[in-house]
PDB file of all heavy atoms in Angstrom:
ATOM      1  N   VAL A   1     140.358  12.139  76.305  1.00  0.00           N
ATOM      2  CA  VAL A   1     141.130  12.521  75.112  1.00  0.00           C
ATOM      3  C   VAL A   1     140.455  13.655  74.372  1.00  0.00           C
ATOM      4  O   VAL A   1     141.108  14.573  73.863  1.00  0.00           O
ATOM      5  CB  VAL A   1     141.318  11.297  74.184  1.00  0.00           C
ATOM      6  CG1 VAL A   1     142.056  11.699  72.912  1.00  0.00           C
ATOM      7  CG2 VAL A   1     142.077  10.197  74.915  1.00  0.00           C
ATOM      8  N   GLY A   2     139.129  13.613  74.299  1.00  0.00           N
ATOM      9  CA  GLY A   2     138.396  14.658  73.590  1.00  0.00           C
ATOM     10  C   GLY A   2     138.613  14.618  72.090  1.00  0.00           C
ATOM     11  O   GLY A   2     139.064  15.596  71.479  1.00  0.00           O
ATOM     12  N   VAL A   3     138.299  13.478  71.485  1.00  0.00           N
ATOM     13  CA  VAL A   3     138.477  13.323  70.038  1.00  0.00           C
ATOM     14  C   VAL A   3     137.633  14.366  69.320  1.00  0.00           C
ATOM     15  O   VAL A   3     136.430  14.478  69.580  1.00  0.00           O
ATOM     16  CB  VAL A   3     138.079  11.906  69.586  1.00  0.00           C
ATOM     17  CG1 VAL A   3     138.253  11.756  68.078  1.00  0.00           C
ATOM     18  CG2 VAL A   3     138.906  10.870  70.327  1.00  0.00           C
ATOM     19  N   PRO A   4     138.222  15.144  68.414  1.00  0.00           N
ATOM     20  CA  PRO A   4     137.467  16.214  67.742  1.00  0.00           C
ATOM     21  C   PRO A   4     136.541  15.675  66.663  1.00  0.00           C
ATOM     22  O   PRO A   4     136.657  14.517  66.227  1.00  0.00           O
ATOM     23  CB  PRO A   4     138.568  17.076  67.126  1.00  0.00           C
ATOM     24  CG  PRO A   4     139.681  16.106  66.854  1.00  0.00           C
ATOM     25  CD  PRO A   4     139.634  15.118  67.989  1.00  0.00           C
ATOM     26  N   SER A   5     135.613  16.509  66.229  1.00  0.00           N
ATOM     27  CA  SER A   5     134.750  16.151  65.105  1.00  0.00           C
ATOM     28  C   SER A   5     135.567  16.202  63.815  1.00  0.00           C
ATOM     29  O   SER A   5     136.594  16.872  63.738  1.00  0.00           O
ATOM     30  CB  SER A   5     133.563  17.110  65.013  1.00  0.00           C
ATOM     31  OG  SER A   5     134.016  18.452  64.858  1.00  0.00           O
ATOM     32  N   ILE A   6     135.108  15.471  62.819  1.00  0.00           N
ATOM     33  CA  ILE A   6     135.819  15.380  61.546  1.00  0.00           C
ATOM     34  C   ILE A   6     134.876  15.751  60.414  1.00  0.00           C
ATOM     35  O   ILE A   6     133.788  15.170  60.290  1.00  0.00           O
ATOM     36  CB  ILE A   6     136.374  13.957  61.316  1.00  0.00           C
ATOM     37  CG1 ILE A   6     137.362  13.585  62.425  1.00  0.00           C
ATOM     38  CG2 ILE A   6     137.048  13.858  59.942  1.00  0.00           C
ATOM     39  CD1 ILE A   6     137.899  12.174  62.310  1.00  0.00           C
ATOM     40  N   GLY A   7     135.278  16.715  59.599  1.00  0.00           N
ATOM     41  CA  GLY A   7     134.487  17.097  58.443  1.00  0.00           C
ATOM     42  C   GLY A   7     134.704  16.127  57.298  1.00  0.00           C
ATOM     43  O   GLY A   7     135.845  15.803  56.963  1.00  0.00           O
ATOM     44  N   MET A   8     133.604  15.647  56.726  1.00  0.00           N
ATOM     45  CA  MET A   8     133.671  14.690  55.623  1.00  0.00           C
ATOM     46  C   MET A   8     133.175  15.287  54.313  1.00  0.00           C
ATOM     47  O   MET A   8     132.762  14.574  53.411  1.00  0.00           O
ATOM     48  CB  MET A   8     132.832  13.452  55.961  1.00  0.00           C
ATOM     49  CG  MET A   8     133.228  12.767  57.251  1.00  0.00           C
ATOM     50  SD  MET A   8     134.832  11.958  57.158  1.00  0.00           S
ATOM     51  CE  MET A   8     134.466  10.616  56.063  1.00  0.00           C
ATOM     52  N   GLY A   9     133.201  16.610  54.192  1.00  0.00           N
ATOM     53  CA  GLY A   9     132.711  17.258  52.987  1.00  0.00           C
ATOM     54  C   GLY A   9     131.211  17.465  53.057  1.00  0.00           C
ATOM     55  O   GLY A   9     130.732  18.542  53.426  1.00  0.00           O
ATOM     56  N   VAL A  10     130.445  16.432  52.709  1.00  0.00           N
ATOM     57  CA  VAL A  10     128.985  16.548  52.725  1.00  0.00           C
ATOM     58  C   VAL A  10     128.417  16.407  54.133  1.00  0.00           C
ATOM     59  O   VAL A  10     127.264  16.756  54.376  1.00  0.00           O
ATOM     60  CB  VAL A  10     128.351  15.482  51.802  1.00  0.00           C
ATOM     61  CG1 VAL A  10     128.737  15.733  50.359  1.00  0.00           C
ATOM     62  CG2 VAL A  10     128.770  14.078  52.217  1.00  0.00           C
ATOM     63  N   ALA A  11     129.186  15.859  55.055  1.00  0.00           N
ATOM     64  CA  ALA A  11     128.709  15.657  56.423  1.00  0.00           C
ATOM     65  C   ALA A  11     129.869  15.811  57.389  1.00  0.00           C
ATOM     66  O   ALA A  11     131.043  15.807  56.998  1.00  0.00           O
ATOM     67  CB  ALA A  11     128.063  14.284  56.576  1.00  0.00           C
ATOM     68  N   THR A  12     129.530  15.983  58.649  1.00  0.00           N
ATOM     69  CA  THR A  12     130.531  16.112  59.703  1.00  0.00           C
ATOM     70  C   THR A  12     130.282  15.064  60.770  1.00  0.00           C
ATOM     71  O   THR A  12     129.151  14.907  61.246  1.00  0.00           O
ATOM     72  CB  THR A  12     130.480  17.511  60.345  1.00  0.00           C
ATOM     73  OG1 THR A  12     130.745  18.501  59.354  1.00  0.00           O
ATOM     74  CG2 THR A  12     131.520  17.627  61.457  1.00  0.00           C
ATOM     75  N   LEU A  13     131.330  14.316  61.113  1.00  0.00           N
ATOM     76  CA  LEU A  13     131.224  13.336  62.183  1.00  0.00           C
ATOM     77  C   LEU A  13     131.484  14.037  63.511  1.00  0.00           C
ATOM     78  O   LEU A  13     132.529  14.647  63.707  1.00  0.00           O
ATOM     79  CB  LEU A  13     132.235  12.210  61.983  1.00  0.00           C
ATOM     80  CG  LEU A  13     132.106  11.379  60.702  1.00  0.00           C
ATOM     81  CD1 LEU A  13     133.190  10.300  60.668  1.00  0.00           C
ATOM     82  CD2 LEU A  13     130.730  10.744  60.604  1.00  0.00           C
ATOM     83  N   SER A  14     130.524  13.954  64.416  1.00  0.00           N
ATOM     84  CA  SER A  14     130.669  14.608  65.710  1.00  0.00           C
ATOM     85  C   SER A  14     131.766  13.949  66.526  1.00  0.00           C
ATOM     86  O   SER A  14     132.233  12.848  66.212  1.00  0.00           O
ATOM     87  CB  SER A  14     129.342  14.540  66.473  1.00  0.00           C
ATOM     88  OG  SER A  14     129.040  13.197  66.826  1.00  0.00           O
ATOM     89  N   GLY A  15     132.167  14.643  67.590  1.00  0.00           N
ATOM     90  CA  GLY A  15     133.187  14.088  68.469  1.00  0.00           C
ATOM     91  C   GLY A  15     132.760  12.770  69.083  1.00  0.00           C
ATOM     92  O   GLY A  15     133.574  11.865  69.281  1.00  0.00           O
ATOM     93  N   ALA A  16     131.455  12.631  69.383  1.00  0.00           N
ATOM     94  CA  ALA A  16     130.956  11.385  69.954  1.00  0.00           C
ATOM     95  C   ALA A  16     131.078  10.240  68.958  1.00  0.00           C
ATOM     96  O   ALA A  16     131.458   9.116  69.319  1.00  0.00           O
ATOM     97  CB  ALA A  16     129.502  11.549  70.391  1.00  0.00           C
ATOM     98  N   VAL A  17     130.763  10.512  67.681  1.00  0.00           N
ATOM     99  CA  VAL A  17     130.840   9.465  66.660  1.00  0.00           C
ATOM    100  C   VAL A  17     132.287   9.045  66.435  1.00  0.00           C
ATOM    101  O   VAL A  17     132.600   7.853  66.375  1.00  0.00           O
ATOM    102  CB  VAL A  17     130.203   9.943  65.340  1.00  0.00           C
ATOM    103  CG1 VAL A  17     130.455   8.929  64.223  1.00  0.00           C
ATOM    104  CG2 VAL A  17     128.705  10.159  65.521  1.00  0.00           C
ATOM    105  N   THR A  18     133.196  10.030  66.307  1.00  0.00           N
ATOM    106  CA  THR A  18     134.600   9.681  66.083  1.00  0.00           C
ATOM    107  C   THR A  18     135.191   8.966  67.297  1.00  0.00           C
ATOM    108  O   THR A  18     136.001   8.043  67.154  1.00  0.00           O
ATOM    109  CB  THR A  18     135.424  10.943  65.770  1.00  0.00           C
ATOM    110  OG1 THR A  18     135.215  11.931  66.792  1.00  0.00           O
ATOM    111  CG2 THR A  18     135.019  11.538  64.426  1.00  0.00           C
ATOM    112  N   SER A  19     134.763   9.361  68.491  1.00  0.00           N
ATOM    113  CA  SER A  19     135.225   8.659  69.695  1.00  0.00           C
ATOM    114  C   SER A  19     134.740   7.216  69.705  1.00  0.00           C
ATOM    115  O   SER A  19     135.484   6.299  70.069  1.00  0.00           O
ATOM    116  CB  SER A  19     134.719   9.380  70.949  1.00  0.00           C
ATOM    117  OG  SER A  19     135.265  10.683  71.056  1.00  0.00           O
ATOM    118  N   ALA A  20     133.485   7.015  69.287  1.00  0.00           N
ATOM    119  CA  ALA A  20     132.934   5.663  69.242  1.00  0.00           C
ATOM    120  C   ALA A  20     133.672   4.808  68.222  1.00  0.00           C
ATOM    121  O   ALA A  20     133.997   3.646  68.486  1.00  0.00           O
ATOM    122  CB  ALA A  20     131.443   5.723  68.910  1.00  0.00           C
ATOM    123  N   ILE A  21     133.949   5.380  67.047  1.00  0.00           N
ATOM    124  CA  ILE A  21     134.643   4.628  66.004  1.00  0.00           C
ATOM    125  C   ILE A  21     136.049   4.255  66.460  1.00  0.00           C
ATOM    126  O   ILE A  21     136.491   3.108  66.279  1.00  0.00           O
ATOM    127  CB  ILE A  21     134.684   5.440  64.695  1.00  0.00           C
ATOM    128  CG1 ILE A  21     133.274   5.563  64.111  1.00  0.00           C
ATOM    129  CG2 ILE A  21     135.625   4.782  63.679  1.00  0.00           C
ATOM    130  CD1 ILE A  21     133.199   6.492  62.915  1.00  0.00           C
ATOM    131  N   LEU A  22     136.759   5.214  67.054  1.00  0.00           N
ATOM    132  CA  LEU A  22     138.119   4.929  67.514  1.00  0.00           C
ATOM    133  C   LEU A  22     138.123   3.932  68.671  1.00  0.00           C
ATOM    134  O   LEU A  22     138.950   3.013  68.715  1.00  0.00           O
ATOM    135  CB  LEU A  22     138.811   6.221  67.936  1.00  0.00           C
ATOM    136  CG  LEU A  22     139.309   7.132  66.808  1.00  0.00           C
ATOM    137  CD1 LEU A  22     139.920   8.402  67.382  1.00  0.00           C
ATOM    138  CD2 LEU A  22     140.329   6.407  65.936  1.00  0.00           C
ATOM    139  N   GLY A  23     137.204   4.113  69.615  1.00  0.00           N
ATOM    140  CA  GLY A  23     137.152   3.191  70.752  1.00  0.00           C
ATOM    141  C   GLY A  23     136.815   1.778  70.322  1.00  0.00           C
ATOM    142  O   GLY A  23     137.506   0.820  70.687  1.00  0.00           O
ATOM    143  N   LEU A  24     135.750   1.639  69.525  1.00  0.00           N
ATOM    144  CA  LEU A  24     135.373   0.319  69.024  1.00  0.00           C
ATOM    145  C   LEU A  24     136.447  -0.241  68.102  1.00  0.00           C
ATOM    146  O   LEU A  24     136.743  -1.440  68.124  1.00  0.00           O
ATOM    147  CB  LEU A  24     134.045   0.411  68.272  1.00  0.00           C
ATOM    148  CG  LEU A  24     132.780   0.647  69.114  1.00  0.00           C
ATOM    149  CD1 LEU A  24     131.619   1.061  68.218  1.00  0.00           C
ATOM    150  CD2 LEU A  24     132.420  -0.591  69.908  1.00  0.00           C
ATOM    151  N   GLY A  25     137.036   0.647  67.278  1.00  0.00           N
ATOM    152  CA  GLY A  25     138.040   0.198  66.319  1.00  0.00           C
ATOM    153  C   GLY A  25     139.309  -0.299  66.980  1.00  0.00           C
ATOM    154  O   GLY A  25     139.852  -1.340  66.597  1.00  0.00           O
ATOM    155  N   LEU A  26     139.804   0.427  67.972  1.00  0.00           N
ATOM    156  CA  LEU A  26     141.031   0.006  68.656  1.00  0.00           C
ATOM    157  C   LEU A  26     140.799  -1.272  69.459  1.00  0.00           C
ATOM    158  O   LEU A  26     141.674  -2.147  69.520  1.00  0.00           O
ATOM    159  CB  LEU A  26     141.533   1.129  69.564  1.00  0.00           C
ATOM    160  CG  LEU A  26     142.070   2.366  68.841  1.00  0.00           C
ATOM    161  CD1 LEU A  26     142.470   3.440  69.845  1.00  0.00           C
ATOM    162  CD2 LEU A  26     143.260   2.006  67.950  1.00  0.00           C
ATOM    163  N   ARG A  27     139.630  -1.364  70.073  1.00  0.00           N
ATOM    164  CA  ARG A  27     139.305  -2.603  70.803  1.00  0.00           C
ATOM    165  C   ARG A  27     139.235  -3.772  69.815  1.00  0.00           C
ATOM    166  O   ARG A  27     139.762  -4.862  70.083  1.00  0.00           O
ATOM    167  CB  ARG A  27     137.982  -2.428  71.529  1.00  0.00           C
ATOM    168  CG  ARG A  27     137.441  -3.691  72.199  1.00  0.00           C
ATOM    169  CD  ARG A  27     138.337  -4.188  73.323  1.00  0.00           C
ATOM    170  NE  ARG A  27     137.724  -5.309  74.009  1.00  0.00           N
ATOM    171  CZ  ARG A  27     136.938  -5.206  75.065  1.00  0.00           C
ATOM    172  NH1 ARG A  27     136.670  -4.001  75.558  1.00  0.00           N
ATOM    173  NH2 ARG A  27     136.429  -6.263  75.628  1.00  0.00           N
ATOM    174  N   SER A  28     138.610  -3.547  68.661  1.00  0.00           N
ATOM    175  CA  SER A  28     138.547  -4.594  67.638  1.00  0.00           C
ATOM    176  C   SER A  28     139.933  -4.930  67.106  1.00  0.00           C
ATOM    177  O   SER A  28     140.237  -6.097  66.835  1.00  0.00           O
ATOM    178  CB  SER A  28     137.636  -4.154  66.487  1.00  0.00           C
ATOM    179  OG  SER A  28     137.580  -5.138  65.483  1.00  0.00           O
ATOM    180  N   ALA A  29     140.785  -3.919  66.953  1.00  0.00           N
ATOM    181  CA  ALA A  29     142.145  -4.150  66.454  1.00  0.00           C
ATOM    182  C   ALA A  29     142.908  -5.090  67.379  1.00  0.00           C
ATOM    183  O   ALA A  29     143.697  -5.925  66.919  1.00  0.00           O
ATOM    184  CB  ALA A  29     142.889  -2.827  66.321  1.00  0.00           C
ATOM    185  N   ALA A  30     142.675  -4.957  68.690  1.00  0.00           N
ATOM    186  CA  ALA A  30     143.365  -5.829  69.644  1.00  0.00           C
ATOM    187  C   ALA A  30     142.986  -7.288  69.429  1.00  0.00           C
ATOM    188  O   ALA A  30     143.827  -8.185  69.588  1.00  0.00           O
ATOM    189  CB  ALA A  30     143.031  -5.399  71.073  1.00  0.00           C
ATOM    190  N   TYR A  31     141.738  -7.535  69.056  1.00  0.00           N
ATOM    191  CA  TYR A  31     141.300  -8.907  68.796  1.00  0.00           C
ATOM    192  C   TYR A  31     141.633  -9.345  67.377  1.00  0.00           C
ATOM    193  O   TYR A  31     142.020 -10.502  67.155  1.00  0.00           O
ATOM    194  CB  TYR A  31     139.798  -9.034  69.055  1.00  0.00           C
ATOM    195  CG  TYR A  31     139.449  -9.040  70.521  1.00  0.00           C
ATOM    196  CD1 TYR A  31     139.003  -7.888  71.160  1.00  0.00           C
ATOM    197  CD2 TYR A  31     139.577 -10.199  71.277  1.00  0.00           C
ATOM    198  CE1 TYR A  31     138.697  -7.889  72.514  1.00  0.00           C
ATOM    199  CE2 TYR A  31     139.276 -10.214  72.634  1.00  0.00           C
ATOM    200  CZ  TYR A  31     138.834  -9.056  73.244  1.00  0.00           C
ATOM    201  OH  TYR A  31     138.542  -9.059  74.596  1.00  0.00           O
TER     202      TYR A  31
END
């Protein structure tokens, strides 16, 4: 998918971090 990085103003979440959050989050959502 290539999840892009997200700017948070004071910090930027890298693509790896956003991918991890979405992957873990969607898996958690299923449960």
